Each structure stands twice: as C-alpha cells, then as structure tokens.
Amino acid sequence: MPGKTRLFFRRLGELGAQYYNAPYRAAIARAKRDEEDLFMLLVFAEMMGVPNPAAWSTLELQPLLMDRFHDWHTRMGMERSPLDHFRCC
C-alpha cells in the first residue's frame, strides 16, 4: 500500500507541474528556438562572410547541424541558402 500512495503522490506532483508550466510552454519554446537560431548563426557565420572569433571551435559542429540548416535559413527570412557552395533548396 505505501508504494501505491507514493506513486499516487508522484503522479499528482507531475500533473501539478504540468498545470503550473502550461502557460509558459510557448514562451519557453520560443526562447529555446531563438537560442538555437543564434547558435546556428555562430556556427555558420564564417561561411556567410561574417567574422567569427570562434570559427575554429564551431567548424567541427557544422556537419552535425547541416540537417537543420534549411529550417534555420528559411526562418531567418532567406529564401535560398546563403552559402555559395552549399545548396539545400
């Protein structure tokens, strides 16, 4: 019986957390997306001609982020890829 009570209160706590966090989900998702957009800009800045002091550190991240590059550049308002040697559209 104590296990069921513990499980009940754990589930009740999870539901309470979801209820409390529900109004903030959109704001948190928007902040996360903005943070990822800035990160993408830092990673691909050197390729677009923007001086990047962290170019060597971000160079190895480019292959990992290529899958999300198209979504990012369209969200930033660029119809086509800004990179001359990389076409994703």
N, C-alpha and C. Protein backbone atom coordinates (compact mmCIF):
# COMPACT_ATOMS: atom_id res chain seq x y z
N MET A 1 0.80 -1.20 0.00
CA MET A 1 0.00 0.00 0.00
C MET A 1 0.85 1.28 0.00
N PRO A 2 1.97 1.33 0.73
CA PRO A 2 2.78 2.55 0.71
C PRO A 2 3.33 2.86 -0.69
N GLY A 3 3.59 1.80 -1.49
CA GLY A 3 4.08 2.02 -2.85
C GLY A 3 3.04 2.70 -3.72
N LYS A 4 1.78 2.30 -3.55
CA LYS A 4 0.71 2.91 -4.34
C LYS A 4 0.49 4.37 -3.93
N THR A 5 0.61 4.64 -2.65
CA THR A 5 0.45 6.02 -2.18
C THR A 5 1.57 6.90 -2.71
N ARG A 6 2.78 6.36 -2.68
CA ARG A 6 3.93 7.11 -3.20
C ARG A 6 3.76 7.38 -4.70
N LEU A 7 3.32 6.37 -5.43
CA LEU A 7 3.08 6.52 -6.86
C LEU A 7 1.98 7.55 -7.12
N PHE A 8 0.91 7.52 -6.31
CA PHE A 8 -0.18 8.48 -6.46
C PHE A 8 0.32 9.91 -6.26
N PHE A 9 1.10 10.14 -5.22
CA PHE A 9 1.58 11.49 -4.96
C PHE A 9 2.62 11.95 -5.99
N ARG A 10 3.40 11.01 -6.50
CA ARG A 10 4.35 11.35 -7.56
C ARG A 10 3.60 11.79 -8.81
N ARG A 11 2.57 11.02 -9.17
CA ARG A 11 1.75 11.37 -10.34
C ARG A 11 1.02 12.70 -10.12
N LEU A 12 0.53 12.91 -8.92
CA LEU A 12 -0.14 14.17 -8.59
C LEU A 12 0.83 15.34 -8.71
N GLY A 13 2.06 15.14 -8.29
CA GLY A 13 3.07 16.18 -8.42
C GLY A 13 3.40 16.48 -9.88
N GLU A 14 3.47 15.43 -10.72
CA GLU A 14 3.72 15.63 -12.14
C GLU A 14 2.58 16.41 -12.80
N LEU A 15 1.35 16.05 -12.46
CA LEU A 15 0.19 16.77 -13.02
C LEU A 15 0.17 18.22 -12.56
N GLY A 16 0.51 18.46 -11.30
CA GLY A 16 0.59 19.83 -10.80
C GLY A 16 1.65 20.64 -11.52
N ALA A 17 2.81 20.02 -11.78
CA ALA A 17 3.88 20.71 -12.51
C ALA A 17 3.45 21.03 -13.93
N GLN A 18 2.77 20.10 -14.58
CA GLN A 18 2.28 20.35 -15.94
C GLN A 18 1.26 21.49 -15.95
N TYR A 19 0.37 21.50 -14.98
CA TYR A 19 -0.64 22.56 -14.89
C TYR A 19 0.02 23.92 -14.66
N TYR A 20 1.02 23.96 -13.80
CA TYR A 20 1.69 25.21 -13.49
C TYR A 20 2.52 25.72 -14.68
N ASN A 21 3.15 24.79 -15.40
CA ASN A 21 4.04 25.17 -16.50
C ASN A 21 3.31 25.40 -17.82
N ALA A 22 2.07 25.01 -17.93
CA ALA A 22 1.34 25.11 -19.20
C ALA A 22 1.33 26.52 -19.80
N PRO A 23 1.09 27.58 -19.02
CA PRO A 23 1.06 28.91 -19.64
C PRO A 23 2.42 29.38 -20.18
N TYR A 24 3.48 28.74 -19.75
CA TYR A 24 4.82 29.20 -20.12
C TYR A 24 5.46 28.36 -21.21
N ARG A 25 4.80 27.30 -21.65
CA ARG A 25 5.39 26.40 -22.65
C ARG A 25 5.74 27.12 -23.94
N ALA A 26 4.84 27.95 -24.44
CA ALA A 26 5.10 28.66 -25.70
C ALA A 26 6.27 29.62 -25.56
N ALA A 27 6.33 30.34 -24.45
CA ALA A 27 7.44 31.27 -24.23
C ALA A 27 8.76 30.53 -24.10
N ILE A 28 8.76 29.39 -23.43
CA ILE A 28 9.98 28.61 -23.29
C ILE A 28 10.40 28.04 -24.64
N ALA A 29 9.46 27.55 -25.43
CA ALA A 29 9.78 27.02 -26.75
C ALA A 29 10.33 28.12 -27.65
N ARG A 30 9.75 29.32 -27.59
CA ARG A 30 10.23 30.44 -28.40
C ARG A 30 11.65 30.84 -27.98
N ALA A 31 11.90 30.88 -26.68
CA ALA A 31 13.24 31.23 -26.19
C ALA A 31 14.26 30.18 -26.61
N LYS A 32 13.87 28.92 -26.57
CA LYS A 32 14.77 27.84 -26.99
C LYS A 32 15.07 27.95 -28.47
N ARG A 33 14.05 28.24 -29.29
CA ARG A 33 14.25 28.39 -30.73
C ARG A 33 15.16 29.58 -31.03
N ASP A 34 14.97 30.70 -30.32
CA ASP A 34 15.82 31.87 -30.53
C ASP A 34 17.27 31.56 -30.15
N GLU A 35 17.45 30.81 -29.10
CA GLU A 35 18.80 30.44 -28.68
C GLU A 35 19.46 29.53 -29.71
N GLU A 36 18.70 28.59 -30.26
CA GLU A 36 19.23 27.72 -31.30
C GLU A 36 19.54 28.50 -32.58
N ASP A 37 18.71 29.50 -32.90
CA ASP A 37 18.98 30.33 -34.07
C ASP A 37 20.28 31.11 -33.92
N LEU A 38 20.52 31.65 -32.76
CA LEU A 38 21.77 32.35 -32.51
C LEU A 38 22.95 31.40 -32.60
N PHE A 39 22.80 30.20 -32.08
CA PHE A 39 23.86 29.21 -32.15
C PHE A 39 24.16 28.85 -33.61
N MET A 40 23.11 28.67 -34.41
CA MET A 40 23.32 28.37 -35.83
C MET A 40 24.04 29.51 -36.52
N LEU A 41 23.69 30.75 -36.19
CA LEU A 41 24.38 31.89 -36.77
C LEU A 41 25.86 31.88 -36.41
N LEU A 42 26.17 31.57 -35.18
CA LEU A 42 27.57 31.50 -34.77
C LEU A 42 28.33 30.40 -35.51
N VAL A 43 27.67 29.27 -35.71
CA VAL A 43 28.34 28.16 -36.38
C VAL A 43 28.58 28.45 -37.86
N PHE A 44 27.61 29.05 -38.53
CA PHE A 44 27.71 29.27 -39.97
C PHE A 44 28.11 30.70 -40.35
N ALA A 45 28.45 31.54 -39.40
CA ALA A 45 28.77 32.94 -39.68
C ALA A 45 29.97 33.09 -40.60
N GLU A 46 31.02 32.35 -40.35
CA GLU A 46 32.23 32.46 -41.15
C GLU A 46 31.97 32.10 -42.61
N MET A 47 31.09 31.11 -42.84
CA MET A 47 30.77 30.70 -44.20
C MET A 47 29.97 31.76 -44.94
N MET A 48 29.27 32.62 -44.18
CA MET A 48 28.45 33.67 -44.79
C MET A 48 29.20 35.01 -44.86
N GLY A 49 30.47 35.02 -44.46
CA GLY A 49 31.26 36.23 -44.57
C GLY A 49 31.24 37.12 -43.34
N VAL A 50 30.66 36.64 -42.25
CA VAL A 50 30.63 37.41 -41.01
C VAL A 50 31.81 36.95 -40.17
N PRO A 51 32.69 37.87 -39.74
CA PRO A 51 33.83 37.45 -38.92
C PRO A 51 33.36 36.76 -37.64
N ASN A 52 33.94 35.63 -37.37
CA ASN A 52 33.56 34.85 -36.21
C ASN A 52 34.82 34.51 -35.42
N PRO A 53 34.95 35.05 -34.21
CA PRO A 53 36.15 34.76 -33.43
C PRO A 53 36.22 33.30 -32.96
N ALA A 54 35.12 32.60 -32.99
CA ALA A 54 35.11 31.20 -32.56
C ALA A 54 35.02 30.25 -33.74
N ALA A 55 35.54 30.64 -34.89
CA ALA A 55 35.39 29.84 -36.11
C ALA A 55 36.00 28.46 -35.97
N TRP A 56 37.17 28.36 -35.39
CA TRP A 56 37.80 27.04 -35.26
C TRP A 56 37.01 26.14 -34.33
N SER A 57 36.41 26.70 -33.32
CA SER A 57 35.64 25.89 -32.37
C SER A 57 34.32 25.42 -32.97
N THR A 58 33.74 26.23 -33.83
CA THR A 58 32.43 25.87 -34.39
C THR A 58 32.55 25.08 -35.69
N LEU A 59 33.72 25.02 -36.28
CA LEU A 59 33.89 24.33 -37.56
C LEU A 59 33.51 22.86 -37.47
N GLU A 60 33.84 22.21 -36.38
CA GLU A 60 33.53 20.80 -36.26
C GLU A 60 32.05 20.54 -35.98
N LEU A 61 31.28 21.57 -35.65
CA LEU A 61 29.85 21.40 -35.40
C LEU A 61 29.02 21.50 -36.67
N GLN A 62 29.58 22.03 -37.74
CA GLN A 62 28.81 22.24 -38.97
C GLN A 62 28.20 20.95 -39.53
N PRO A 63 28.94 19.85 -39.61
CA PRO A 63 28.30 18.63 -40.14
C PRO A 63 27.12 18.15 -39.29
N LEU A 64 27.17 18.40 -38.01
CA LEU A 64 26.08 17.97 -37.13
C LEU A 64 24.83 18.80 -37.32
N LEU A 65 24.99 20.05 -37.75
CA LEU A 65 23.85 20.97 -37.87
C LEU A 65 23.33 21.12 -39.29
N MET A 66 23.94 20.46 -40.25
CA MET A 66 23.51 20.61 -41.65
C MET A 66 22.08 20.15 -41.85
N ASP A 67 21.62 19.17 -41.09
CA ASP A 67 20.24 18.69 -41.24
C ASP A 67 19.23 19.77 -40.91
N ARG A 68 19.56 20.65 -39.98
CA ARG A 68 18.63 21.70 -39.55
C ARG A 68 18.89 23.03 -40.25
N PHE A 69 19.84 23.08 -41.17
CA PHE A 69 20.22 24.33 -41.81
C PHE A 69 19.09 24.93 -42.64
N HIS A 70 18.38 24.12 -43.41
CA HIS A 70 17.31 24.63 -44.26
C HIS A 70 16.21 25.29 -43.42
N ASP A 71 15.78 24.62 -42.36
CA ASP A 71 14.75 25.20 -41.49
C ASP A 71 15.22 26.52 -40.91
N TRP A 72 16.48 26.58 -40.55
CA TRP A 72 17.02 27.81 -39.93
C TRP A 72 17.04 28.97 -40.91
N HIS A 73 17.60 28.75 -42.13
CA HIS A 73 17.73 29.90 -43.03
C HIS A 73 16.37 30.37 -43.55
N THR A 74 15.39 29.49 -43.66
CA THR A 74 14.07 29.96 -44.05
C THR A 74 13.40 30.71 -42.90
N ARG A 75 13.62 30.30 -41.66
CA ARG A 75 13.08 31.01 -40.51
C ARG A 75 13.73 32.39 -40.37
N MET A 76 14.97 32.52 -40.82
CA MET A 76 15.67 33.81 -40.75
C MET A 76 15.30 34.73 -41.92
N GLY A 77 14.46 34.27 -42.83
CA GLY A 77 13.98 35.12 -43.92
C GLY A 77 14.79 35.00 -45.19
N MET A 78 15.66 34.02 -45.30
CA MET A 78 16.46 33.81 -46.51
C MET A 78 15.78 32.72 -47.33
N GLU A 79 15.31 33.07 -48.52
CA GLU A 79 14.61 32.08 -49.35
C GLU A 79 15.53 30.97 -49.80
N ARG A 80 16.74 31.33 -50.18
CA ARG A 80 17.73 30.34 -50.64
C ARG A 80 18.87 30.27 -49.64
N SER A 81 19.64 29.23 -49.76
CA SER A 81 20.79 29.06 -48.89
C SER A 81 21.77 30.22 -49.09
N PRO A 82 22.25 30.85 -48.03
CA PRO A 82 23.20 31.95 -48.18
C PRO A 82 24.61 31.48 -48.50
N LEU A 83 24.82 30.19 -48.50
CA LEU A 83 26.14 29.63 -48.76
C LEU A 83 26.28 29.29 -50.23
N ASP A 84 27.33 29.81 -50.86
CA ASP A 84 27.53 29.59 -52.30
C ASP A 84 27.80 28.12 -52.63
N HIS A 85 28.55 27.45 -51.80
CA HIS A 85 28.95 26.09 -52.11
C HIS A 85 28.03 25.03 -51.51
N PHE A 86 26.99 25.45 -50.83
CA PHE A 86 26.06 24.50 -50.22
C PHE A 86 24.65 24.86 -50.62
N ARG A 87 24.02 23.98 -51.36
CA ARG A 87 22.63 24.20 -51.77
C ARG A 87 21.76 23.20 -51.04
N CYS A 88 20.79 23.69 -50.30
CA CYS A 88 19.90 22.77 -49.59
C CYS A 88 18.47 22.88 -50.13
N CYS A 89 18.20 23.82 -51.01
CA CYS A 89 16.84 24.01 -51.50
C CYS A 89 16.77 23.66 -52.98
